[in-house]
Amino acid sequence: MLDHKRRSPLAVLFTFSLIIVLLSACMHSEQKEIVEKAEIASLTYFKETYGIDVEFTGHRFIPSDLPHTVSLTGHVKGNKSQEIFAMVDYDTYEVKTGSVPDDIQPLNSMYED
């Protein structure tokens, strides 16, 4: 049986571990919500700018030199070889950069010349 001196550090360790797990779960939930909103903004961007539907396959939160930015990667729906990329400011959910294969032109370029 554990004496009083051993229970106290064990209780502190258990409590500390529980707090870390709970904070981690909250942060994960917040990041998941950010990614979902960034994906919605990017789906709209690619549809309105290029007339394409896309599927996202990955994301990454950008280091602090580009604050509040998440990058999304994926491909044109139905064609995994046509990769796309977007960088989204998750304060405003504005797509700052969008990249598509060279053979996909912006919709407004059809009217230029």
Protein backbone atom coordinates (compact mmCIF):
# COMPACT_ATOMS: atom_id res chain seq x y z
CA MET A 1 0.00 0.00 0.00
CA LEU A 2 1.26 3.48 -0.85
CA ASP A 3 1.95 5.88 1.96
CA HIS A 4 0.91 9.54 1.99
CA LYS A 5 4.25 10.80 0.57
CA ARG A 6 3.91 8.59 -2.51
CA ARG A 7 0.28 9.34 -3.22
CA SER A 8 0.78 13.07 -3.42
CA PRO A 9 3.35 13.03 -6.27
CA LEU A 10 1.33 10.34 -8.03
CA ALA A 11 -1.83 12.40 -7.72
CA VAL A 12 -0.02 15.46 -9.05
CA LEU A 13 1.37 13.46 -11.99
CA PHE A 14 -2.06 12.02 -12.77
CA THR A 15 -3.72 15.43 -12.58
CA PHE A 16 -1.03 17.01 -14.77
CA SER A 17 -1.39 14.21 -17.34
CA LEU A 18 -5.15 14.61 -17.39
CA ILE A 19 -4.87 18.36 -17.96
CA ILE A 20 -2.47 17.82 -20.88
CA VAL A 21 -4.81 15.28 -22.48
CA LEU A 22 -7.81 17.61 -22.12
CA LEU A 23 -5.93 20.62 -23.52
CA SER A 24 -4.66 18.54 -26.42
CA ALA A 25 -8.19 17.39 -27.24
CA CYS A 26 -9.48 20.98 -27.18
CA MET A 27 -6.67 22.18 -29.44
CA HIS A 28 -7.28 19.30 -31.84
CA SER A 29 -10.96 20.15 -31.98
CA GLU A 30 -10.18 23.82 -32.67
CA GLN A 31 -7.72 22.91 -35.44
CA LYS A 32 -10.23 20.54 -37.00
CA GLU A 33 -12.81 23.35 -37.12
CA ILE A 34 -10.24 25.69 -38.71
CA VAL A 35 -9.39 23.11 -41.39
CA GLU A 36 -13.07 22.47 -42.14
CA LYS A 37 -13.77 26.20 -42.60
CA ALA A 38 -10.61 26.65 -44.70
CA GLU A 39 -11.69 23.75 -46.93
CA ILE A 40 -15.12 25.34 -47.46
CA ALA A 41 -13.51 28.66 -48.41
CA SER A 42 -11.11 26.89 -50.77
CA LEU A 43 -13.83 24.81 -52.43
CA THR A 44 -15.64 28.06 -53.23
CA TYR A 45 -12.41 29.69 -54.44
CA PHE A 46 -11.52 26.87 -56.86
CA LYS A 47 -15.11 26.61 -58.15
CA GLU A 48 -15.50 30.37 -58.71
CA THR A 49 -11.97 30.99 -60.01
CA TYR A 50 -11.33 27.88 -62.11
CA GLY A 51 -14.71 26.16 -62.40
CA ILE A 52 -13.37 22.97 -60.84
CA ASP A 53 -14.39 20.75 -57.94
CA VAL A 54 -11.56 19.61 -55.71
CA GLU A 55 -10.90 17.06 -52.98
CA PHE A 56 -8.55 17.82 -50.11
CA THR A 57 -6.16 15.13 -48.94
CA GLY A 58 -3.95 16.98 -46.48
CA HIS A 59 -3.34 20.11 -44.48
CA ARG A 60 -0.56 21.77 -42.51
CA PHE A 61 -0.52 24.73 -40.17
CA ILE A 62 2.18 27.14 -41.29
CA PRO A 63 4.88 28.20 -38.79
CA SER A 64 4.68 31.57 -37.06
CA ASP A 65 6.45 33.53 -39.84
CA LEU A 66 3.10 33.40 -41.71
CA PRO A 67 0.65 33.81 -38.85
CA HIS A 68 -2.75 32.18 -38.92
CA THR A 69 -2.26 30.35 -42.20
CA VAL A 70 -3.15 26.78 -43.06
CA SER A 71 -2.09 25.10 -46.28
CA LEU A 72 -4.36 22.60 -47.98
CA THR A 73 -3.35 20.03 -50.57
CA GLY A 74 -5.45 17.82 -52.75
CA HIS A 75 -6.48 17.22 -56.35
CA VAL A 76 -9.14 17.95 -58.91
CA LYS A 77 -12.12 15.71 -58.19
CA GLY A 78 -11.91 12.62 -60.35
CA ASN A 79 -8.26 13.16 -61.35
CA LYS A 80 -5.66 12.49 -58.66
CA SER A 81 -2.84 13.48 -61.03
CA GLN A 82 -4.09 17.10 -61.15
CA GLU A 83 -2.82 18.35 -57.81
CA ILE A 84 -4.02 21.57 -56.20
CA PHE A 85 -2.76 23.70 -53.33
CA ALA A 86 -4.24 26.54 -51.28
CA MET A 87 -3.01 28.78 -48.46
CA VAL A 88 -5.83 30.16 -46.32
CA ASP A 89 -5.72 32.91 -43.70
CA TYR A 90 -7.84 31.44 -40.94
CA ASP A 91 -8.61 34.79 -39.34
CA THR A 92 -10.59 35.81 -42.42
CA TYR A 93 -10.88 32.47 -44.27
CA GLU A 94 -9.59 34.18 -47.38
CA VAL A 95 -7.59 32.10 -49.86
CA LYS A 96 -4.27 33.94 -50.12
CA THR A 97 -2.74 31.59 -52.70
CA GLY A 98 -4.27 28.95 -54.92
CA SER A 99 -2.36 26.71 -57.29
CA VAL A 100 -3.64 24.40 -60.02
CA PRO A 101 -1.99 22.55 -62.93
CA ASP A 102 -0.89 24.76 -65.85
CA ASP A 103 -3.54 23.35 -68.18
CA ILE A 104 -6.35 24.68 -65.95
CA GLN A 105 -7.00 28.33 -66.71
CA PRO A 106 -8.94 30.84 -64.62
CA LEU A 107 -12.51 31.36 -65.80
CA ASN A 108 -11.98 35.10 -66.38
CA SER A 109 -9.04 34.42 -68.73
CA MET A 110 -11.48 33.00 -71.29
CA TYR A 111 -12.79 36.54 -71.85
CA GLU A 112 -9.43 38.24 -72.15
CA ASP A 113 -7.57 38.83 -75.45
